[in-house]
Amino acid sequence: MDKTKEVAIDINLSDWSIKLKERTRSRMKLQIKLNQIEAQAFKNFAEVVKPDEISDEDFLKSIFKMGLETMESKLMSAVEKHAEENNIDLESLRDEAGYDSIEELVAESAKADGTDEN
């Protein structure tokens, strides 16, 4: 398989059909339905970048996890920027609240506000 060919990816997220079902034991099922063009674009993308020794399922899990980590990183950057602009000492807030990390503090604050940290 030639993995050097050029691939165009045209994915329009606003047209995606996404279902999220809460399940028992704090589990959930996430289903994303792609149209024919999006499915082919993803297949082309995976064909070029997915290592042969990784299963399709593990590849999808990796992409999803990397996306979550990227969102978390952007959120932390935004929190740090806000704290810097408003002279907020995050470390002292963390210490006062008894958290081990700034990430825990942000996650708890998001839950308390009714927002999602991701």
Protein backbone atom coordinates (compact mmCIF):
# COMPACT_ATOMS: atom_id res chain seq x y z
CA MET A 1 0.00 0.00 0.00
CA ASP A 2 1.37 3.41 -1.03
CA LYS A 3 1.08 5.74 1.97
CA THR A 4 2.61 8.74 0.20
CA LYS A 5 -0.38 9.74 -1.92
CA GLU A 6 -2.13 13.04 -1.27
CA VAL A 7 -5.52 12.88 0.44
CA ALA A 8 -8.15 15.59 0.58
CA ILE A 9 -10.39 15.51 3.65
CA ASP A 10 -13.75 17.25 3.47
CA ILE A 11 -15.62 16.76 6.73
CA ASN A 12 -18.47 19.11 7.65
CA LEU A 13 -19.12 18.65 11.38
CA SER A 14 -22.40 20.58 11.32
CA ASP A 15 -24.01 17.83 9.23
CA TRP A 16 -22.94 14.96 11.50
CA SER A 17 -25.52 12.80 13.20
CA ILE A 18 -24.27 12.12 16.71
CA LYS A 19 -26.05 10.03 19.34
CA LEU A 20 -24.99 9.87 22.96
CA LYS A 21 -26.70 7.34 25.22
CA GLU A 22 -26.13 7.14 28.96
CA ARG A 23 -25.79 3.51 30.02
CA THR A 24 -25.66 1.65 33.28
CA ARG A 25 -22.63 1.68 35.59
CA SER A 26 -21.61 5.23 34.55
CA ARG A 27 -20.99 4.19 30.95
CA MET A 28 -22.05 5.79 27.70
CA LYS A 29 -22.31 4.93 24.05
CA LEU A 30 -21.25 7.47 21.45
CA GLN A 31 -22.29 6.91 17.85
CA ILE A 32 -21.26 9.13 14.94
CA LYS A 33 -22.93 8.61 11.58
CA LEU A 34 -21.07 9.91 8.53
CA ASN A 35 -22.51 10.42 5.09
CA GLN A 36 -20.92 8.66 2.12
CA ILE A 37 -18.47 11.46 1.30
CA GLU A 38 -17.38 11.89 4.93
CA ALA A 39 -16.98 8.14 5.37
CA GLN A 40 -14.77 7.94 2.29
CA ALA A 41 -12.75 10.95 3.45
CA PHE A 42 -12.16 9.25 6.81
CA LYS A 43 -11.21 5.96 5.13
CA ASN A 44 -8.72 7.84 2.92
CA PHE A 45 -7.29 9.62 5.96
CA ALA A 46 -6.96 6.38 7.95
CA GLU A 47 -5.37 4.59 5.01
CA VAL A 48 -2.63 7.20 4.89
CA VAL A 49 -1.89 7.79 8.58
CA LYS A 50 -2.95 4.63 10.48
CA PRO A 51 -0.07 2.25 11.18
CA ASP A 52 -0.81 -1.24 9.87
CA GLU A 53 -0.25 -2.87 13.26
CA ILE A 54 -3.04 -0.82 14.92
CA SER A 55 -6.65 -1.96 14.67
CA ASP A 56 -9.30 0.40 13.30
CA GLU A 57 -10.94 0.47 16.74
CA ASP A 58 -7.71 1.43 18.53
CA PHE A 59 -7.01 4.06 15.86
CA LEU A 60 -10.44 5.65 16.45
CA LYS A 61 -9.92 5.56 20.22
CA SER A 62 -6.55 7.28 19.77
CA ILE A 63 -8.02 10.03 17.60
CA PHE A 64 -10.82 10.62 20.11
CA LYS A 65 -8.41 10.69 23.05
CA MET A 66 -6.05 13.08 21.27
CA GLY A 67 -8.99 15.36 20.56
CA LEU A 68 -9.99 15.40 24.23
CA GLU A 69 -6.42 16.09 25.29
CA THR A 70 -6.21 18.98 22.83
CA MET A 71 -9.45 20.46 24.17
CA GLU A 72 -8.20 20.09 27.75
CA SER A 73 -4.94 21.82 26.83
CA LYS A 74 -6.79 24.72 25.20
CA LEU A 75 -9.04 25.06 28.24
CA MET A 76 -6.06 25.12 30.59
CA SER A 77 -4.38 27.77 28.43
CA ALA A 78 -7.54 29.88 28.52
CA VAL A 79 -7.79 29.54 32.32
CA GLU A 80 -4.13 30.45 32.77
CA LYS A 81 -4.49 33.45 30.44
CA HIS A 82 -7.61 34.62 32.29
CA ALA A 83 -5.85 34.22 35.65
CA GLU A 84 -2.83 36.16 34.40
CA GLU A 85 -4.95 38.99 32.96
CA ASN A 86 -6.95 39.26 36.19
CA ASN A 87 -4.09 38.79 38.67
CA ILE A 88 -5.48 35.50 39.98
CA ASP A 89 -3.00 33.18 41.69
CA LEU A 90 -4.15 29.72 40.61
CA GLU A 91 -1.63 27.96 42.84
CA SER A 92 -2.94 29.65 45.98
CA LEU A 93 -6.53 28.86 44.94
CA ARG A 94 -5.53 25.23 44.40
CA ASP A 95 -3.83 25.06 47.79
CA GLU A 96 -6.76 26.70 49.60
CA ALA A 97 -9.24 24.34 47.97
CA GLY A 98 -7.10 21.28 48.69
CA TYR A 99 -6.60 20.07 45.10
CA ASP A 100 -3.49 18.27 43.94
CA SER A 101 -3.42 20.04 40.56
CA ILE A 102 -4.80 23.04 38.74
CA GLU A 103 -6.58 20.61 36.39
CA GLU A 104 -8.60 19.19 39.30
CA LEU A 105 -9.53 22.70 40.40
CA VAL A 106 -10.69 23.63 36.88
CA ALA A 107 -12.68 20.40 36.52
CA GLU A 108 -14.47 20.92 39.84
CA SER A 109 -15.17 24.57 39.01
CA ALA A 110 -16.67 23.57 35.67
CA LYS A 111 -18.93 20.99 37.36
CA ALA A 112 -20.02 23.54 39.99
CA ASP A 113 -20.84 26.09 37.27
CA GLY A 114 -22.82 23.51 35.33
CA THR A 115 -20.40 23.75 32.43
CA ASP A 116 -18.26 21.02 30.98
CA GLU A 117 -14.49 21.37 31.27
CA ASN A 118 -14.12 19.87 27.78
